[in-house]
Structures are given as structure tokens and as C-alpha cells.
N, C-alpha and C. Protein backbone atom coordinates (compact mmCIF):
# COMPACT_ATOMS: atom_id res chain seq x y z
N MET A 1 0.81 -1.19 0.00
CA MET A 1 0.00 0.00 0.00
C MET A 1 0.86 1.26 0.00
N ALA A 2 1.91 1.28 0.83
CA ALA A 2 2.79 2.45 0.87
C ALA A 2 3.52 2.62 -0.45
N ASP A 3 3.88 1.49 -1.08
CA ASP A 3 4.56 1.57 -2.37
C ASP A 3 3.68 2.25 -3.42
N GLU A 4 2.39 1.97 -3.39
CA GLU A 4 1.47 2.60 -4.33
C GLU A 4 1.40 4.10 -4.10
N ARG A 5 1.41 4.52 -2.85
CA ARG A 5 1.38 5.96 -2.55
C ARG A 5 2.67 6.63 -3.04
N ASP A 6 3.80 5.96 -2.86
CA ASP A 6 5.07 6.50 -3.35
C ASP A 6 5.05 6.63 -4.86
N ASP A 7 4.51 5.63 -5.55
CA ASP A 7 4.40 5.67 -7.01
C ASP A 7 3.51 6.83 -7.44
N ASP A 8 2.40 7.03 -6.74
CA ASP A 8 1.49 8.14 -7.05
C ASP A 8 2.18 9.47 -6.88
N ARG A 9 2.93 9.63 -5.81
CA ARG A 9 3.64 10.89 -5.57
C ARG A 9 4.68 11.15 -6.65
N ARG A 10 5.39 10.10 -7.06
CA ARG A 10 6.38 10.27 -8.14
C ARG A 10 5.69 10.66 -9.44
N GLY A 11 4.56 10.04 -9.71
CA GLY A 11 3.80 10.38 -10.92
C GLY A 11 3.29 11.80 -10.87
N ASP A 12 2.82 12.22 -9.69
CA ASP A 12 2.35 13.59 -9.54
C ASP A 12 3.48 14.59 -9.72
N ALA A 13 4.68 14.23 -9.32
CA ALA A 13 5.84 15.11 -9.47
C ALA A 13 6.26 15.21 -10.92
N LEU A 14 5.96 14.19 -11.70
CA LEU A 14 6.34 14.18 -13.11
C LEU A 14 5.52 15.17 -13.94
N LEU A 15 4.26 15.33 -13.60
CA LEU A 15 3.38 16.19 -14.40
C LEU A 15 3.87 17.64 -14.49
N PRO A 16 4.29 18.26 -13.39
CA PRO A 16 4.80 19.63 -13.52
C PRO A 16 6.06 19.72 -14.38
N ARG A 17 6.90 18.69 -14.32
CA ARG A 17 8.10 18.68 -15.16
C ARG A 17 7.74 18.62 -16.63
N LEU A 18 6.74 17.79 -16.95
CA LEU A 18 6.30 17.70 -18.34
C LEU A 18 5.72 19.03 -18.80
N LYS A 19 4.98 19.69 -17.93
CA LYS A 19 4.41 21.00 -18.26
C LYS A 19 5.53 22.02 -18.54
N LEU A 20 6.57 21.99 -17.72
CA LEU A 20 7.70 22.90 -17.95
C LEU A 20 8.35 22.65 -19.30
N ILE A 21 8.50 21.38 -19.65
CA ILE A 21 9.10 21.05 -20.95
C ILE A 21 8.20 21.56 -22.08
N GLU A 22 6.92 21.33 -21.96
CA GLU A 22 5.99 21.77 -23.00
C GLU A 22 5.98 23.29 -23.16
N ASP A 23 6.27 24.00 -22.09
CA ASP A 23 6.29 25.47 -22.14
C ASP A 23 7.58 26.03 -22.73
N GLN A 24 8.58 25.18 -22.92
CA GLN A 24 9.85 25.63 -23.48
C GLN A 24 9.73 25.83 -24.98
N PRO A 25 10.64 26.64 -25.52
CA PRO A 25 10.65 26.78 -26.99
C PRO A 25 10.91 25.42 -27.64
N LEU A 26 10.35 25.25 -28.80
CA LEU A 26 10.43 23.97 -29.50
C LEU A 26 11.87 23.47 -29.64
N GLU A 27 12.80 24.37 -29.85
CA GLU A 27 14.20 23.98 -30.09
C GLU A 27 14.82 23.28 -28.89
N THR A 28 14.33 23.54 -27.68
CA THR A 28 14.94 22.96 -26.49
C THR A 28 14.18 21.76 -25.94
N ARG A 29 13.02 21.49 -26.46
CA ARG A 29 12.20 20.40 -25.91
C ARG A 29 12.82 19.04 -26.08
N ALA A 30 13.39 18.76 -27.22
CA ALA A 30 13.95 17.42 -27.48
C ALA A 30 15.03 17.08 -26.46
N GLU A 31 15.90 18.02 -26.17
CA GLU A 31 16.95 17.77 -25.19
C GLU A 31 16.36 17.55 -23.80
N ALA A 32 15.36 18.33 -23.44
CA ALA A 32 14.72 18.20 -22.14
C ALA A 32 14.02 16.84 -22.02
N TYR A 33 13.32 16.43 -23.08
CA TYR A 33 12.67 15.11 -23.07
C TYR A 33 13.71 13.99 -23.00
N ALA A 34 14.82 14.14 -23.69
CA ALA A 34 15.87 13.12 -23.66
C ALA A 34 16.44 13.00 -22.25
N HIS A 35 16.65 14.11 -21.59
CA HIS A 35 17.16 14.10 -20.22
C HIS A 35 16.17 13.41 -19.28
N LEU A 36 14.90 13.74 -19.41
CA LEU A 36 13.87 13.13 -18.58
C LEU A 36 13.78 11.63 -18.87
N HIS A 37 13.88 11.25 -20.13
CA HIS A 37 13.87 9.83 -20.51
C HIS A 37 15.01 9.09 -19.83
N ASP A 38 16.20 9.69 -19.84
CA ASP A 38 17.36 9.06 -19.20
C ASP A 38 17.13 8.88 -17.70
N GLU A 39 16.56 9.89 -17.05
CA GLU A 39 16.27 9.79 -15.61
C GLU A 39 15.27 8.67 -15.33
N LEU A 40 14.23 8.59 -16.13
CA LEU A 40 13.22 7.55 -15.92
C LEU A 40 13.79 6.16 -16.17
N ARG A 41 14.63 6.03 -17.20
CA ARG A 41 15.26 4.74 -17.47
C ARG A 41 16.17 4.32 -16.32
N GLU A 42 16.93 5.27 -15.77
CA GLU A 42 17.80 4.96 -14.64
C GLU A 42 16.98 4.53 -13.42
N ALA A 43 15.85 5.18 -13.20
CA ALA A 43 14.98 4.82 -12.07
C ALA A 43 14.42 3.41 -12.25
N LEU A 44 14.03 3.08 -13.47
CA LEU A 44 13.52 1.73 -13.73
C LEU A 44 14.61 0.67 -13.58
N ASP A 45 15.80 1.00 -14.06
CA ASP A 45 16.93 0.07 -13.92
C ASP A 45 17.23 -0.15 -12.44
N ALA A 46 17.22 0.91 -11.65
CA ALA A 46 17.48 0.79 -10.21
C ALA A 46 16.41 -0.06 -9.54
N ALA A 47 15.16 0.13 -9.93
CA ALA A 47 14.06 -0.66 -9.36
C ALA A 47 14.24 -2.13 -9.70
N ASP A 48 14.68 -2.43 -10.91
CA ASP A 48 14.93 -3.82 -11.30
C ASP A 48 16.03 -4.43 -10.44
N ARG A 49 17.08 -3.66 -10.17
CA ARG A 49 18.18 -4.16 -9.35
C ARG A 49 17.73 -4.39 -7.91
N GLN A 50 16.73 -3.63 -7.46
CA GLN A 50 16.24 -3.76 -6.07
C GLN A 50 15.09 -4.77 -5.97
N GLY A 51 14.85 -5.49 -7.01
CA GLY A 51 13.81 -6.50 -6.97
C GLY A 51 12.44 -5.99 -7.32
N GLY A 52 12.36 -4.97 -8.19
CA GLY A 52 11.07 -4.49 -8.66
C GLY A 52 10.39 -3.50 -7.76
N ARG A 53 11.06 -2.94 -6.80
CA ARG A 53 10.45 -1.95 -5.91
C ARG A 53 10.44 -0.60 -6.52
């Protein structure tokens, strides 16, 4: 149950970041999305190493 709340909070924190990226000029969005993608991939890789948490 606590894990689900943590996941919800992380998801809620992601939405403002996406909004900030969308508000950027088109020329800078791709780099911002790539950076966010890398962060999310690293988080998923870390969760896999910790047994899916």
C-alpha cells in the first residue's frame, strides 16, 4: 500500500516537469525530453536491481 502511494507521488511530481518542458521553446524540448527519458530509465533500472520496488 505504501509503495502505491510512493508511485502516485512520483507520478504527480512528473506532471509539472512535463508542463515545464511543453512550455519551453520547440528547439529545447527534445533535449529536455531526452534528459527526462534518461532519468526515468535509470529509475527503472534501479528498481529492477532492487527486486522491482
